[in-house]
């Protein structure tokens, strides 16, 4: 009968550990936040396994749980944007999605390039109706 209390303690520890675990790169999230602070009104929301930054209720960028950044962009510009090294269409439900791009960590290593890519997401989010 001593097994049940022990299992309960282990489950509580696991739940506590699981809730403390963060799947996305918190350093990247801080860098994105730094780019946005003071320039645009935004909110943060955990979604798509990462931390998304929303403008007017629309996702602009996200520190992705898959590494790097998930970027929302004009679908018509997907081909042009994907011609840059380290940028590709995001695969969602087994399909490459126009307007949803994955930007590799190496592509946004410098603050200057991070700011350029974040601006792409900000510009597109601002072009959408407020939710």
C-alpha atoms as a PDB file:
ATOM      1  CA  UNK A   1       0.000   0.000   0.000  1.00  0.00           C
ATOM      2  CA  UNK A   2       2.959   2.371   0.271  1.00  0.00           C
ATOM      3  CA  UNK A   3       3.247   2.366  -3.537  1.00  0.00           C
ATOM      4  CA  UNK A   4       0.280   4.687  -4.139  1.00  0.00           C
ATOM      5  CA  UNK A   5       1.548   7.639  -2.070  1.00  0.00           C
ATOM      6  CA  UNK A   6       4.961   7.256  -3.714  1.00  0.00           C
ATOM      7  CA  UNK A   7       3.425   7.291  -7.193  1.00  0.00           C
ATOM      8  CA  UNK A   8       1.421  10.369  -6.222  1.00  0.00           C
ATOM      9  CA  UNK A   9       4.579  12.185  -5.111  1.00  0.00           C
ATOM     10  CA  UNK A  10       6.331  11.269  -8.360  1.00  0.00           C
ATOM     11  CA  UNK A  11       3.380  12.509 -10.415  1.00  0.00           C
ATOM     12  CA  UNK A  12       3.345  15.822  -8.530  1.00  0.00           C
ATOM     13  CA  UNK A  13       7.076  16.249  -9.134  1.00  0.00           C
ATOM     14  CA  UNK A  14       6.686  15.430 -12.827  1.00  0.00           C
ATOM     15  CA  UNK A  15       3.790  17.875 -13.192  1.00  0.00           C
ATOM     16  CA  UNK A  16       5.817  20.608 -11.503  1.00  0.00           C
ATOM     17  CA  UNK A  17       8.811  19.847 -13.776  1.00  0.00           C
ATOM     18  CA  UNK A  18       6.622  19.701 -16.884  1.00  0.00           C
ATOM     19  CA  UNK A  19       5.076  23.103 -16.111  1.00  0.00           C
ATOM     20  CA  UNK A  20       8.520  24.659 -15.657  1.00  0.00           C
ATOM     21  CA  UNK A  21       9.805  23.255 -18.976  1.00  0.00           C
ATOM     22  CA  UNK A  22       9.914  25.790 -21.812  1.00  0.00           C
ATOM     23  CA  UNK A  23      10.004  24.472 -25.362  1.00  0.00           C
ATOM     24  CA  UNK A  24      11.026  27.694 -27.121  1.00  0.00           C
ATOM     25  CA  UNK A  25      14.268  29.678 -26.971  1.00  0.00           C
ATOM     26  CA  UNK A  26      13.713  32.223 -24.195  1.00  0.00           C
ATOM     27  CA  UNK A  27      16.792  34.181 -25.260  1.00  0.00           C
ATOM     28  CA  UNK A  28      15.332  34.604 -28.758  1.00  0.00           C
ATOM     29  CA  UNK A  29      11.993  35.618 -27.227  1.00  0.00           C
ATOM     30  CA  UNK A  30      13.798  38.279 -25.169  1.00  0.00           C
ATOM     31  CA  UNK A  31      15.599  39.533 -28.295  1.00  0.00           C
ATOM     32  CA  UNK A  32      12.309  39.776 -30.232  1.00  0.00           C
ATOM     33  CA  UNK A  33      10.669  41.558 -27.285  1.00  0.00           C
ATOM     34  CA  UNK A  34      13.592  44.006 -27.251  1.00  0.00           C
ATOM     35  CA  UNK A  35      13.047  44.811 -30.933  1.00  0.00           C
ATOM     36  CA  UNK A  36       9.335  45.427 -30.406  1.00  0.00           C
ATOM     37  CA  UNK A  37       9.394  47.348 -27.111  1.00  0.00           C
ATOM     38  CA  UNK A  38       8.681  51.035 -27.525  1.00  0.00           C
ATOM     39  CA  UNK A  39       8.049  50.694 -31.273  1.00  0.00           C
ATOM     40  CA  UNK A  40       4.725  48.930 -31.452  1.00  0.00           C
ATOM     41  CA  UNK A  41       1.902  47.800 -29.158  1.00  0.00           C
ATOM     42  CA  UNK A  42       1.997  44.027 -28.921  1.00  0.00           C
ATOM     43  CA  UNK A  43       0.829  41.134 -26.811  1.00  0.00           C
ATOM     44  CA  UNK A  44       2.481  37.814 -26.116  1.00  0.00           C
ATOM     45  CA  UNK A  45       0.761  34.462 -26.259  1.00  0.00           C
ATOM     46  CA  UNK A  46       1.972  30.886 -26.079  1.00  0.00           C
ATOM     47  CA  UNK A  47       0.915  29.204 -29.309  1.00  0.00           C
ATOM     48  CA  UNK A  48       2.252  26.783 -31.923  1.00  0.00           C
ATOM     49  CA  UNK A  49       4.660  25.426 -29.302  1.00  0.00           C
ATOM     50  CA  UNK A  50       6.394  28.772 -28.948  1.00  0.00           C
ATOM     51  CA  UNK A  51       5.903  32.317 -27.719  1.00  0.00           C
ATOM     52  CA  UNK A  52       4.062  34.426 -30.278  1.00  0.00           C
ATOM     53  CA  UNK A  53       4.083  38.208 -30.514  1.00  0.00           C
ATOM     54  CA  UNK A  54       0.770  39.590 -31.745  1.00  0.00           C
ATOM     55  CA  UNK A  55      -0.072  42.992 -33.129  1.00  0.00           C
ATOM     56  CA  UNK A  56      -3.746  43.865 -33.215  1.00  0.00           C
ATOM     57  CA  UNK A  57      -4.487  40.261 -32.324  1.00  0.00           C
ATOM     58  CA  UNK A  58      -2.582  38.956 -35.363  1.00  0.00           C
ATOM     59  CA  UNK A  59       0.616  36.967 -35.007  1.00  0.00           C
ATOM     60  CA  UNK A  60       3.656  38.762 -36.376  1.00  0.00           C
ATOM     61  CA  UNK A  61       6.518  36.539 -35.179  1.00  0.00           C
ATOM     62  CA  UNK A  62       7.125  33.730 -32.742  1.00  0.00           C
ATOM     63  CA  UNK A  63      10.099  32.268 -30.924  1.00  0.00           C
ATOM     64  CA  UNK A  64       9.390  28.810 -32.267  1.00  0.00           C
ATOM     65  CA  UNK A  65       9.329  25.620 -30.280  1.00  0.00           C
ATOM     66  CA  UNK A  66      11.034  24.018 -33.294  1.00  0.00           C
ATOM     67  CA  UNK A  67      14.005  26.381 -33.103  1.00  0.00           C
ATOM     68  CA  UNK A  68      14.485  29.707 -34.821  1.00  0.00           C
ATOM     69  CA  UNK A  69      11.603  31.994 -35.568  1.00  0.00           C
ATOM     70  CA  UNK A  70       8.167  31.459 -37.074  1.00  0.00           C
ATOM     71  CA  UNK A  71       7.315  34.503 -39.167  1.00  0.00           C
ATOM     72  CA  UNK A  72       4.023  35.646 -40.626  1.00  0.00           C
ATOM     73  CA  UNK A  73       4.421  37.415 -43.967  1.00  0.00           C
ATOM     74  CA  UNK A  74       2.454  38.367 -47.042  1.00  0.00           C
ATOM     75  CA  UNK A  75       1.708  35.059 -48.812  1.00  0.00           C
ATOM     76  CA  UNK A  76       2.457  36.712 -52.172  1.00  0.00           C
ATOM     77  CA  UNK A  77       6.007  37.456 -50.965  1.00  0.00           C
ATOM     78  CA  UNK A  78       6.753  33.880 -49.854  1.00  0.00           C
ATOM     79  CA  UNK A  79       8.863  32.954 -52.900  1.00  0.00           C
ATOM     80  CA  UNK A  80      10.976  36.099 -52.641  1.00  0.00           C
ATOM     81  CA  UNK A  81      11.468  35.767 -48.870  1.00  0.00           C
ATOM     82  CA  UNK A  82      12.325  32.053 -49.137  1.00  0.00           C
ATOM     83  CA  UNK A  83      15.134  32.885 -51.568  1.00  0.00           C
ATOM     84  CA  UNK A  84      17.098  34.122 -48.533  1.00  0.00           C
ATOM     85  CA  UNK A  85      19.398  31.582 -46.854  1.00  0.00           C
ATOM     86  CA  UNK A  86      17.858  29.908 -43.810  1.00  0.00           C
ATOM     87  CA  UNK A  87      14.282  30.858 -44.702  1.00  0.00           C
ATOM     88  CA  UNK A  88      11.685  28.314 -45.781  1.00  0.00           C
ATOM     89  CA  UNK A  89       7.946  27.836 -45.747  1.00  0.00           C
ATOM     90  CA  UNK A  90       6.619  26.396 -42.508  1.00  0.00           C
ATOM     91  CA  UNK A  91       5.133  22.927 -42.771  1.00  0.00           C
ATOM     92  CA  UNK A  92       1.734  22.787 -41.090  1.00  0.00           C
ATOM     93  CA  UNK A  93      -0.363  19.636 -41.129  1.00  0.00           C
ATOM     94  CA  UNK A  94       2.002  18.145 -43.703  1.00  0.00           C
ATOM     95  CA  UNK A  95       1.792  21.050 -46.124  1.00  0.00           C
ATOM     96  CA  UNK A  96       4.126  23.969 -46.926  1.00  0.00           C
ATOM     97  CA  UNK A  97       2.247  27.167 -46.121  1.00  0.00           C
ATOM     98  CA  UNK A  98       2.592  30.424 -48.043  1.00  0.00           C
ATOM     99  CA  UNK A  99       2.840  33.355 -45.645  1.00  0.00           C
ATOM    100  CA  UNK A 100       4.155  31.231 -42.748  1.00  0.00           C
ATOM    101  CA  UNK A 101       7.935  31.068 -42.764  1.00  0.00           C
ATOM    102  CA  UNK A 102      10.600  29.455 -40.622  1.00  0.00           C
ATOM    103  CA  UNK A 103      13.702  31.583 -40.156  1.00  0.00           C
ATOM    104  CA  UNK A 104      16.755  29.664 -38.942  1.00  0.00           C
ATOM    105  CA  UNK A 105      18.643  30.776 -35.848  1.00  0.00           C
ATOM    106  CA  UNK A 106      21.773  31.373 -37.950  1.00  0.00           C
ATOM    107  CA  UNK A 107      19.851  33.780 -40.186  1.00  0.00           C
ATOM    108  CA  UNK A 108      18.829  35.962 -37.232  1.00  0.00           C
ATOM    109  CA  UNK A 109      22.085  35.704 -35.298  1.00  0.00           C
ATOM    110  CA  UNK A 110      22.815  39.427 -35.471  1.00  0.00           C
ATOM    111  CA  UNK A 111      20.523  42.058 -33.949  1.00  0.00           C
ATOM    112  CA  UNK A 112      20.346  43.851 -37.297  1.00  0.00           C
ATOM    113  CA  UNK A 113      19.052  40.833 -39.222  1.00  0.00           C
ATOM    114  CA  UNK A 114      16.657  39.919 -36.416  1.00  0.00           C
ATOM    115  CA  UNK A 115      15.208  43.424 -36.553  1.00  0.00           C
ATOM    116  CA  UNK A 116      14.789  43.204 -40.351  1.00  0.00           C
ATOM    117  CA  UNK A 117      12.923  39.900 -40.153  1.00  0.00           C
ATOM    118  CA  UNK A 118      10.761  40.990 -37.220  1.00  0.00           C
ATOM    119  CA  UNK A 119       9.802  44.079 -39.236  1.00  0.00           C
ATOM    120  CA  UNK A 120       8.513  41.837 -42.054  1.00  0.00           C
ATOM    121  CA  UNK A 121       6.153  40.186 -39.578  1.00  0.00           C
ATOM    122  CA  UNK A 122       5.150  43.489 -37.988  1.00  0.00           C
ATOM    123  CA  UNK A 123       4.349  45.059 -41.360  1.00  0.00           C
ATOM    124  CA  UNK A 124       2.171  42.132 -42.375  1.00  0.00           C
ATOM    125  CA  UNK A 125       0.350  41.926 -39.025  1.00  0.00           C
ATOM    126  CA  UNK A 126      -0.394  45.656 -39.228  1.00  0.00           C
ATOM    127  CA  UNK A 127      -1.908  45.184 -42.697  1.00  0.00           C
ATOM    128  CA  UNK A 128      -4.532  42.764 -41.328  1.00  0.00           C
ATOM    129  CA  UNK A 129      -7.814  43.770 -39.686  1.00  0.00           C
ATOM    130  CA  UNK A 130      -7.595  44.057 -35.897  1.00  0.00           C
ATOM    131  CA  UNK A 131      -9.120  41.066 -34.117  1.00  0.00           C
END
